[in-house]
Each structure stands twice: as C-alpha cells, then as structure tokens.
Amino acid sequence: LLMFIKLAIGLGAVSYGLISKQNFMVRLGLAAAGLL
C-alpha cells in the first residue's frame, strides 16, 4: 500500500508537470521529482 501511494504521488507529479500551464522550470522540476 505504501509503494502504491508512492507510485501514485510520483505519477501525479509527472503528469502535472507535463500538462500544467506553469513556468517551464516548475514543470521540469515536477516531472523530475515525480520520476525520482
């Protein structure tokens, strides 16, 4: 369950980093943090 939550948080960060309308550096940081 903990690994599922970790995977969900990471996937959410990557997805938000790819589709959001934020600054490019914020989006890049979110995608990188999600992958980590």
PDB file of all heavy atoms in Angstrom:
ATOM      1  N   LEU A   1       0.827  -1.204   0.000  1.00  0.00           N
ATOM      2  CA  LEU A   1       0.000   0.000   0.000  1.00  0.00           C
ATOM      3  C   LEU A   1       0.867   1.261   0.000  1.00  0.00           C
ATOM      4  O   LEU A   1       0.578   2.214  -0.720  1.00  0.00           O
ATOM      5  CB  LEU A   1      -0.937   0.004   1.208  1.00  0.00           C
ATOM      6  CG  LEU A   1      -1.880   1.190   1.331  1.00  0.00           C
ATOM      7  CD1 LEU A   1      -2.834   1.236   0.150  1.00  0.00           C
ATOM      8  CD2 LEU A   1      -2.633   1.132   2.637  1.00  0.00           C
ATOM      9  N   LEU A   2       1.934   1.258   0.773  1.00  0.00           N
ATOM     10  CA  LEU A   2       2.845   2.403   0.789  1.00  0.00           C
ATOM     11  C   LEU A   2       3.529   2.603  -0.566  1.00  0.00           C
ATOM     12  O   LEU A   2       3.673   3.731  -1.028  1.00  0.00           O
ATOM     13  CB  LEU A   2       3.882   2.240   1.893  1.00  0.00           C
ATOM     14  CG  LEU A   2       3.360   2.346   3.321  1.00  0.00           C
ATOM     15  CD1 LEU A   2       4.466   2.045   4.315  1.00  0.00           C
ATOM     16  CD2 LEU A   2       2.759   3.703   3.575  1.00  0.00           C
ATOM     17  N   MET A   3       3.922   1.507  -1.208  1.00  0.00           N
ATOM     18  CA  MET A   3       4.540   1.620  -2.528  1.00  0.00           C
ATOM     19  C   MET A   3       3.524   2.094  -3.566  1.00  0.00           C
ATOM     20  O   MET A   3       3.864   2.855  -4.482  1.00  0.00           O
ATOM     21  CB  MET A   3       5.137   0.281  -2.973  1.00  0.00           C
ATOM     22  CG  MET A   3       6.375  -0.134  -2.209  1.00  0.00           C
ATOM     23  SD  MET A   3       7.713   1.061  -2.377  1.00  0.00           S
ATOM     24  CE  MET A   3       7.906   1.556  -0.688  1.00  0.00           C
ATOM     25  N   PHE A   4       2.266   1.674  -3.422  1.00  0.00           N
ATOM     26  CA  PHE A   4       1.215   2.152  -4.318  1.00  0.00           C
ATOM     27  C   PHE A   4       1.014   3.658  -4.174  1.00  0.00           C
ATOM     28  O   PHE A   4       0.899   4.378  -5.169  1.00  0.00           O
ATOM     29  CB  PHE A   4      -0.095   1.413  -4.039  1.00  0.00           C
ATOM     30  CG  PHE A   4      -1.263   1.968  -4.800  1.00  0.00           C
ATOM     31  CD1 PHE A   4      -1.408   1.697  -6.144  1.00  0.00           C
ATOM     32  CD2 PHE A   4      -2.193   2.769  -4.166  1.00  0.00           C
ATOM     33  CE1 PHE A   4      -2.478   2.222  -6.855  1.00  0.00           C
ATOM     34  CE2 PHE A   4      -3.260   3.289  -4.859  1.00  0.00           C
ATOM     35  CZ  PHE A   4      -3.403   3.017  -6.215  1.00  0.00           C
ATOM     36  N   ILE A   5       1.000   4.128  -2.946  1.00  0.00           N
ATOM     37  CA  ILE A   5       0.845   5.569  -2.697  1.00  0.00           C
ATOM     38  C   ILE A   5       2.041   6.333  -3.258  1.00  0.00           C
ATOM     39  O   ILE A   5       1.888   7.388  -3.874  1.00  0.00           O
ATOM     40  CB  ILE A   5       0.640   5.840  -1.192  1.00  0.00           C
ATOM     41  CG1 ILE A   5      -0.722   5.287  -0.749  1.00  0.00           C
ATOM     42  CG2 ILE A   5       0.757   7.323  -0.876  1.00  0.00           C
ATOM     43  CD1 ILE A   5      -0.920   5.267   0.743  1.00  0.00           C
ATOM     44  N   LYS A   6       3.233   5.791  -3.058  1.00  0.00           N
ATOM     45  CA  LYS A   6       4.448   6.414  -3.596  1.00  0.00           C
ATOM     46  C   LYS A   6       4.383   6.490  -5.120  1.00  0.00           C
ATOM     47  O   LYS A   6       4.690   7.527  -5.722  1.00  0.00           O
ATOM     48  CB  LYS A   6       5.659   5.590  -3.154  1.00  0.00           C
ATOM     49  CG  LYS A   6       6.965   6.070  -3.698  1.00  0.00           C
ATOM     50  CD  LYS A   6       8.081   5.135  -3.229  1.00  0.00           C
ATOM     51  CE  LYS A   6       9.302   5.319  -4.076  1.00  0.00           C
ATOM     52  NZ  LYS A   6      10.346   4.364  -3.776  1.00  0.00           N
ATOM     53  N   LEU A   7       3.953   5.423  -5.762  1.00  0.00           N
ATOM     54  CA  LEU A   7       3.835   5.404  -7.217  1.00  0.00           C
ATOM     55  C   LEU A   7       2.767   6.385  -7.692  1.00  0.00           C
ATOM     56  O   LEU A   7       2.956   7.087  -8.682  1.00  0.00           O
ATOM     57  CB  LEU A   7       3.508   3.985  -7.686  1.00  0.00           C
ATOM     58  CG  LEU A   7       3.467   3.721  -9.179  1.00  0.00           C
ATOM     59  CD1 LEU A   7       4.819   3.997  -9.809  1.00  0.00           C
ATOM     60  CD2 LEU A   7       3.055   2.290  -9.437  1.00  0.00           C
ATOM     61  N   ALA A   8       1.668   6.482  -6.967  1.00  0.00           N
ATOM     62  CA  ALA A   8       0.597   7.410  -7.336  1.00  0.00           C
ATOM     63  C   ALA A   8       1.055   8.865  -7.213  1.00  0.00           C
ATOM     64  O   ALA A   8       0.754   9.696  -8.087  1.00  0.00           O
ATOM     65  CB  ALA A   8      -0.630   7.163  -6.464  1.00  0.00           C
ATOM     66  N   ILE A   9       1.782   9.185  -6.159  1.00  0.00           N
ATOM     67  CA  ILE A   9       2.287  10.547  -5.982  1.00  0.00           C
ATOM     68  C   ILE A   9       3.285  10.893  -7.087  1.00  0.00           C
ATOM     69  O   ILE A   9       3.233  11.976  -7.678  1.00  0.00           O
ATOM     70  CB  ILE A   9       2.911  10.724  -4.583  1.00  0.00           C
ATOM     71  CG1 ILE A   9       1.813  10.695  -3.520  1.00  0.00           C
ATOM     72  CG2 ILE A   9       3.722  12.010  -4.492  1.00  0.00           C
ATOM     73  CD1 ILE A   9       2.336  10.618  -2.106  1.00  0.00           C
ATOM     74  N   GLY A  10       4.188   9.983  -7.380  1.00  0.00           N
ATOM     75  CA  GLY A  10       5.167  10.225  -8.437  1.00  0.00           C
ATOM     76  C   GLY A  10       4.516  10.376  -9.799  1.00  0.00           C
ATOM     77  O   GLY A  10       4.865  11.276 -10.571  1.00  0.00           O
ATOM     78  N   LEU A  11       3.546   9.528 -10.099  1.00  0.00           N
ATOM     79  CA  LEU A  11       2.849   9.624 -11.378  1.00  0.00           C
ATOM     80  C   LEU A  11       2.035  10.904 -11.471  1.00  0.00           C
ATOM     81  O   LEU A  11       1.989  11.539 -12.529  1.00  0.00           O
ATOM     82  CB  LEU A  11       1.952   8.411 -11.586  1.00  0.00           C
ATOM     83  CG  LEU A  11       1.195   8.340 -12.898  1.00  0.00           C
ATOM     84  CD1 LEU A  11       2.158   8.340 -14.070  1.00  0.00           C
ATOM     85  CD2 LEU A  11       0.314   7.116 -12.927  1.00  0.00           C
ATOM     86  N   GLY A  12       1.433  11.305 -10.367  1.00  0.00           N
ATOM     87  CA  GLY A  12       0.696  12.567 -10.350  1.00  0.00           C
ATOM     88  C   GLY A  12       1.608  13.755 -10.608  1.00  0.00           C
ATOM     89  O   GLY A  12       1.255  14.674 -11.359  1.00  0.00           O
ATOM     90  N   ALA A  13       2.792  13.745 -10.017  1.00  0.00           N
ATOM     91  CA  ALA A  13       3.744  14.846 -10.231  1.00  0.00           C
ATOM     92  C   ALA A  13       4.232  14.881 -11.673  1.00  0.00           C
ATOM     93  O   ALA A  13       4.322  15.958 -12.276  1.00  0.00           O
ATOM     94  CB  ALA A  13       4.928  14.713  -9.273  1.00  0.00           C
ATOM     95  N   VAL A  14       4.525  13.727 -12.246  1.00  0.00           N
ATOM     96  CA  VAL A  14       4.978  13.688 -13.639  1.00  0.00           C
ATOM     97  C   VAL A  14       3.862  14.164 -14.566  1.00  0.00           C
ATOM     98  O   VAL A  14       4.086  14.975 -15.464  1.00  0.00           O
ATOM     99  CB  VAL A  14       5.438  12.265 -14.028  1.00  0.00           C
ATOM    100  CG1 VAL A  14       5.655  12.160 -15.521  1.00  0.00           C
ATOM    101  CG2 VAL A  14       6.707  11.900 -13.296  1.00  0.00           C
ATOM    102  N   SER A  15       2.658  13.678 -14.350  1.00  0.00           N
ATOM    103  CA  SER A  15       1.529  14.072 -15.197  1.00  0.00           C
ATOM    104  C   SER A  15       1.253  15.563 -15.094  1.00  0.00           C
ATOM    105  O   SER A  15       1.054  16.237 -16.108  1.00  0.00           O
ATOM    106  CB  SER A  15       0.276  13.291 -14.816  1.00  0.00           C
ATOM    107  OG  SER A  15       0.451  11.926 -15.052  1.00  0.00           O
ATOM    108  N   TYR A  16       1.242  16.086 -13.883  1.00  0.00           N
ATOM    109  CA  TYR A  16       1.003  17.522 -13.706  1.00  0.00           C
ATOM    110  C   TYR A  16       2.136  18.339 -14.324  1.00  0.00           C
ATOM    111  O   TYR A  16       1.895  19.394 -14.901  1.00  0.00           O
ATOM    112  CB  TYR A  16       0.832  17.864 -12.230  1.00  0.00           C
ATOM    113  CG  TYR A  16       0.404  19.291 -12.013  1.00  0.00           C
ATOM    114  CD1 TYR A  16      -0.890  19.690 -12.316  1.00  0.00           C
ATOM    115  CD2 TYR A  16       1.293  20.232 -11.535  1.00  0.00           C
ATOM    116  CE1 TYR A  16      -1.283  21.006 -12.135  1.00  0.00           C
ATOM    117  CE2 TYR A  16       0.915  21.551 -11.351  1.00  0.00           C
ATOM    118  CZ  TYR A  16      -0.380  21.929 -11.651  1.00  0.00           C
ATOM    119  OH  TYR A  16      -0.765  23.227 -11.484  1.00  0.00           O
ATOM    120  N   GLY A  17       3.361  17.850 -14.212  1.00  0.00           N
ATOM    121  CA  GLY A  17       4.484  18.541 -14.819  1.00  0.00           C
ATOM    122  C   GLY A  17       4.394  18.588 -16.341  1.00  0.00           C
ATOM    123  O   GLY A  17       4.848  19.529 -16.964  1.00  0.00           O
ATOM    124  N   LEU A  18       3.793  17.575 -16.929  1.00  0.00           N
ATOM    125  CA  LEU A  18       3.680  17.542 -18.381  1.00  0.00           C
ATOM    126  C   LEU A  18       2.507  18.354 -18.916  1.00  0.00           C
ATOM    127  O   LEU A  18       2.595  18.916 -20.004  1.00  0.00           O
ATOM    128  CB  LEU A  18       3.560  16.095 -18.871  1.00  0.00           C
ATOM    129  CG  LEU A  18       4.816  15.249 -18.757  1.00  0.00           C
ATOM    130  CD1 LEU A  18       4.519  13.813 -19.174  1.00  0.00           C
ATOM    131  CD2 LEU A  18       5.932  15.814 -19.594  1.00  0.00           C
ATOM    132  N   ILE A  19       1.389  18.412 -18.176  1.00  0.00           N
ATOM    133  CA  ILE A  19       0.193  19.042 -18.746  1.00  0.00           C
ATOM    134  C   ILE A  19      -0.153  20.400 -18.142  1.00  0.00           C
ATOM    135  O   ILE A  19      -1.078  21.051 -18.614  1.00  0.00           O
ATOM    136  CB  ILE A  19      -1.032  18.117 -18.643  1.00  0.00           C
ATOM    137  CG1 ILE A  19      -1.404  17.850 -17.198  1.00  0.00           C
ATOM    138  CG2 ILE A  19      -0.823  16.849 -19.418  1.00  0.00           C
ATOM    139  CD1 ILE A  19      -2.697  17.088 -17.008  1.00  0.00           C
ATOM    140  N   SER A  20       0.577  20.842 -17.133  1.00  0.00           N
ATOM    141  CA  SER A  20       0.218  22.113 -16.498  1.00  0.00           C
ATOM    142  C   SER A  20       0.665  23.295 -17.354  1.00  0.00           C
ATOM    143  O   SER A  20       1.457  23.161 -18.273  1.00  0.00           O
ATOM    144  CB  SER A  20       0.841  22.209 -15.107  1.00  0.00           C
ATOM    145  OG  SER A  20       2.224  22.406 -15.210  1.00  0.00           O
ATOM    146  N   LYS A  21       0.146  24.451 -17.010  1.00  0.00           N
ATOM    147  CA  LYS A  21       0.480  25.693 -17.720  1.00  0.00           C
ATOM    148  C   LYS A  21       1.435  26.557 -16.891  1.00  0.00           C
ATOM    149  O   LYS A  21       1.501  27.752 -17.069  1.00  0.00           O
ATOM    150  CB  LYS A  21      -0.798  26.489 -18.008  1.00  0.00           C
ATOM    151  CG  LYS A  21      -1.802  25.750 -18.826  1.00  0.00           C
ATOM    152  CD  LYS A  21      -1.303  25.582 -20.238  1.00  0.00           C
ATOM    153  CE  LYS A  21      -2.404  24.914 -21.061  1.00  0.00           C
ATOM    154  NZ  LYS A  21      -1.938  24.382 -22.300  1.00  0.00           N
ATOM    155  N   GLN A  22       2.174  25.949 -15.999  1.00  0.00           N
ATOM    156  CA  GLN A  22       3.119  26.664 -15.143  1.00  0.00           C
ATOM    157  C   GLN A  22       4.367  27.054 -15.934  1.00  0.00           C
ATOM    158  O   GLN A  22       4.515  26.731 -17.102  1.00  0.00           O
ATOM    159  CB  GLN A  22       3.518  25.787 -13.954  1.00  0.00           C
ATOM    160  CG  GLN A  22       2.386  25.398 -13.041  1.00  0.00           C
ATOM    161  CD  GLN A  22       1.899  26.574 -12.232  1.00  0.00           C
ATOM    162  OE1 GLN A  22       2.654  27.456 -11.875  1.00  0.00           O
ATOM    163  NE2 GLN A  22       0.609  26.587 -11.948  1.00  0.00           N
ATOM    164  N   ASN A  23       5.272  27.720 -15.252  1.00  0.00           N
ATOM    165  CA  ASN A  23       6.584  28.067 -15.784  1.00  0.00           C
ATOM    166  C   ASN A  23       7.310  26.772 -16.203  1.00  0.00           C
ATOM    167  O   ASN A  23       7.146  25.725 -15.586  1.00  0.00           O
ATOM    168  CB  ASN A  23       7.365  28.795 -14.693  1.00  0.00           C
ATOM    169  CG  ASN A  23       8.714  29.262 -15.138  1.00  0.00           C
ATOM    170  OD1 ASN A  23       9.140  29.028 -16.264  1.00  0.00           O
ATOM    171  ND2 ASN A  23       9.398  29.941 -14.240  1.00  0.00           N
ATOM    172  N   PHE A  24       8.131  26.858 -17.226  1.00  0.00           N
ATOM    173  CA  PHE A  24       8.828  25.676 -17.729  1.00  0.00           C
ATOM    174  C   PHE A  24       9.693  25.023 -16.660  1.00  0.00           C
ATOM    175  O   PHE A  24       9.742  23.804 -16.555  1.00  0.00           O
ATOM    176  CB  PHE A  24       9.685  26.030 -18.952  1.00  0.00           C
ATOM    177  CG  PHE A  24      10.471  24.874 -19.467  1.00  0.00           C
ATOM    178  CD1 PHE A  24       9.846  23.858 -20.165  1.00  0.00           C
ATOM    179  CD2 PHE A  24      11.837  24.789 -19.238  1.00  0.00           C
ATOM    180  CE1 PHE A  24      10.573  22.770 -20.630  1.00  0.00           C
ATOM    181  CE2 PHE A  24      12.563  23.712 -19.697  1.00  0.00           C
ATOM    182  CZ  PHE A  24      11.932  22.699 -20.406  1.00  0.00           C
ATOM    183  N   MET A  25      10.380  25.819 -15.851  1.00  0.00           N
ATOM    184  CA  MET A  25      11.253  25.262 -14.818  1.00  0.00           C
ATOM    185  C   MET A  25      10.456  24.548 -13.739  1.00  0.00           C
ATOM    186  O   MET A  25      10.895  23.510 -13.223  1.00  0.00           O
ATOM    187  CB  MET A  25      12.131  26.362 -14.208  1.00  0.00           C
ATOM    188  CG  MET A  25      13.133  26.948 -15.195  1.00  0.00           C
ATOM    189  SD  MET A  25      14.166  25.701 -15.998  1.00  0.00           S
ATOM    190  CE  MET A  25      15.175  25.175 -14.653  1.00  0.00           C
ATOM    191  N   VAL A  26       9.280  25.056 -13.405  1.00  0.00           N
ATOM    192  CA  VAL A  26       8.416  24.395 -12.418  1.00  0.00           C
ATOM    193  C   VAL A  26       7.941  23.054 -12.980  1.00  0.00           C
ATOM    194  O   VAL A  26       7.960  22.037 -12.285  1.00  0.00           O
ATOM    195  CB  VAL A  26       7.217  25.298 -12.051  1.00  0.00           C
ATOM    196  CG1 VAL A  26       6.221  24.565 -11.185  1.00  0.00           C
ATOM    197  CG2 VAL A  26       7.701  26.568 -11.379  1.00  0.00           C
ATOM    198  N   ARG A  27       7.547  23.066 -14.242  1.00  0.00           N
ATOM    199  CA  ARG A  27       7.089  21.831 -14.873  1.00  0.00           C
ATOM    200  C   ARG A  27       8.213  20.801 -14.953  1.00  0.00           C
ATOM    201  O   ARG A  27       8.000  19.620 -14.680  1.00  0.00           O
ATOM    202  CB  ARG A  27       6.560  22.136 -16.266  1.00  0.00           C
ATOM    203  CG  ARG A  27       5.277  22.930 -16.231  1.00  0.00           C
ATOM    204  CD  ARG A  27       4.804  23.391 -17.576  1.00  0.00           C
ATOM    205  NE  ARG A  27       4.864  22.337 -18.578  1.00  0.00           N
ATOM    206  CZ  ARG A  27       4.945  22.568 -19.874  1.00  0.00           C
ATOM    207  NH1 ARG A  27       4.979  23.793 -20.322  1.00  0.00           N
ATOM    208  NH2 ARG A  27       4.990  21.574 -20.716  1.00  0.00           N
ATOM    209  N   LEU A  28       9.400  21.251 -15.306  1.00  0.00           N
ATOM    210  CA  LEU A  28      10.544  20.355 -15.375  1.00  0.00           C
ATOM    211  C   LEU A  28      10.880  19.794 -14.002  1.00  0.00           C
ATOM    212  O   LEU A  28      11.164  18.600 -13.851  1.00  0.00           O
ATOM    213  CB  LEU A  28      11.750  21.098 -15.965  1.00  0.00           C
ATOM    214  CG  LEU A  28      13.002  20.282 -16.190  1.00  0.00           C
ATOM    215  CD1 LEU A  28      12.757  19.215 -17.242  1.00  0.00           C
ATOM    216  CD2 LEU A  28      14.147  21.183 -16.604  1.00  0.00           C
ATOM    217  N   GLY A  29      10.826  20.637 -12.982  1.00  0.00           N
ATOM    218  CA  GLY A  29      11.080  20.183 -11.617  1.00  0.00           C
ATOM    219  C   GLY A  29      10.059  19.178 -11.137  1.00  0.00           C
ATOM    220  O   GLY A  29      10.409  18.186 -10.488  1.00  0.00           O
ATOM    221  N   LEU A  30       8.787  19.397 -11.454  1.00  0.00           N
ATOM    222  CA  LEU A  30       7.745  18.449 -11.068  1.00  0.00           C
ATOM    223  C   LEU A  30       7.931  17.102 -11.754  1.00  0.00           C
ATOM    224  O   LEU A  30       7.804  16.042 -11.120  1.00  0.00           O
ATOM    225  CB  LEU A  30       6.363  19.009 -11.407  1.00  0.00           C
ATOM    226  CG  LEU A  30       5.749  19.947 -10.410  1.00  0.00           C
ATOM    227  CD1 LEU A  30       4.494  20.589 -10.979  1.00  0.00           C
ATOM    228  CD2 LEU A  30       5.419  19.214  -9.132  1.00  0.00           C
ATOM    229  N   ALA A  31       8.219  17.132 -13.040  1.00  0.00           N
ATOM    230  CA  ALA A  31       8.420  15.880 -13.766  1.00  0.00           C
ATOM    231  C   ALA A  31       9.637  15.129 -13.238  1.00  0.00           C
ATOM    232  O   ALA A  31       9.585  13.910 -13.029  1.00  0.00           O
ATOM    233  CB  ALA A  31       8.557  16.161 -15.257  1.00  0.00           C
ATOM    234  N   ALA A  32      10.715  15.837 -12.976  1.00  0.00           N
ATOM    235  CA  ALA A  32      11.921  15.191 -12.454  1.00  0.00           C
ATOM    236  C   ALA A  32      11.693  14.649 -11.042  1.00  0.00           C
ATOM    237  O   ALA A  32      12.110  13.532 -10.726  1.00  0.00           O
ATOM    238  CB  ALA A  32      13.084  16.182 -12.459  1.00  0.00           C
ATOM    239  N   ALA A  33      11.023  15.429 -10.204  1.00  0.00           N
ATOM    240  CA  ALA A  33      10.740  14.964  -8.842  1.00  0.00           C
ATOM    241  C   ALA A  33       9.819  13.748  -8.868  1.00  0.00           C
ATOM    242  O   ALA A  33      10.009  12.801  -8.091  1.00  0.00           O
ATOM    243  CB  ALA A  33      10.110  16.088  -8.027  1.00  0.00           C
ATOM    244  N   GLY A  34       8.848  13.755  -9.755  1.00  0.00           N
ATOM    245  CA  GLY A  34       7.961  12.599  -9.876  1.00  0.00           C
ATOM    246  C   GLY A  34       8.697  11.349 -10.296  1.00  0.00           C
ATOM    247  O   GLY A  34       8.464  10.260  -9.755  1.00  0.00           O
ATOM    248  N   LEU A  35       9.614  11.486 -11.246  1.00  0.00           N
ATOM    249  CA  LEU A  35      10.404  10.320 -11.669  1.00  0.00           C
ATOM    250  C   LEU A  35      11.307   9.837 -10.540  1.00  0.00           C
ATOM    251  O   LEU A  35      11.486   8.621 -10.374  1.00  0.00           O
ATOM    252  CB  LEU A  35      11.215  10.668 -12.906  1.00  0.00           C
ATOM    253  CG  LEU A  35      10.425  10.830 -14.201  1.00  0.00           C
ATOM    254  CD1 LEU A  35      11.325  11.307 -15.327  1.00  0.00           C
ATOM    255  CD2 LEU A  35       9.737   9.519 -14.576  1.00  0.00           C
ATOM    256  N   LEU A  36      11.868  10.755  -9.778  1.00  0.00           N
ATOM    257  CA  LEU A  36      12.700  10.338  -8.644  1.00  0.00           C
ATOM    258  C   LEU A  36      11.880   9.603  -7.598  1.00  0.00           C
ATOM    259  O   LEU A  36      12.346   8.600  -7.036  1.00  0.00           O
ATOM    260  CB  LEU A  36      13.377  11.563  -8.013  1.00  0.00           C
ATOM    261  CG  LEU A  36      14.559  12.130  -8.761  1.00  0.00           C
ATOM    262  CD1 LEU A  36      15.051  13.405  -8.095  1.00  0.00           C
ATOM    263  CD2 LEU A  36      15.684  11.111  -8.839  1.00  0.00           C
TER     264      LEU A  36
END
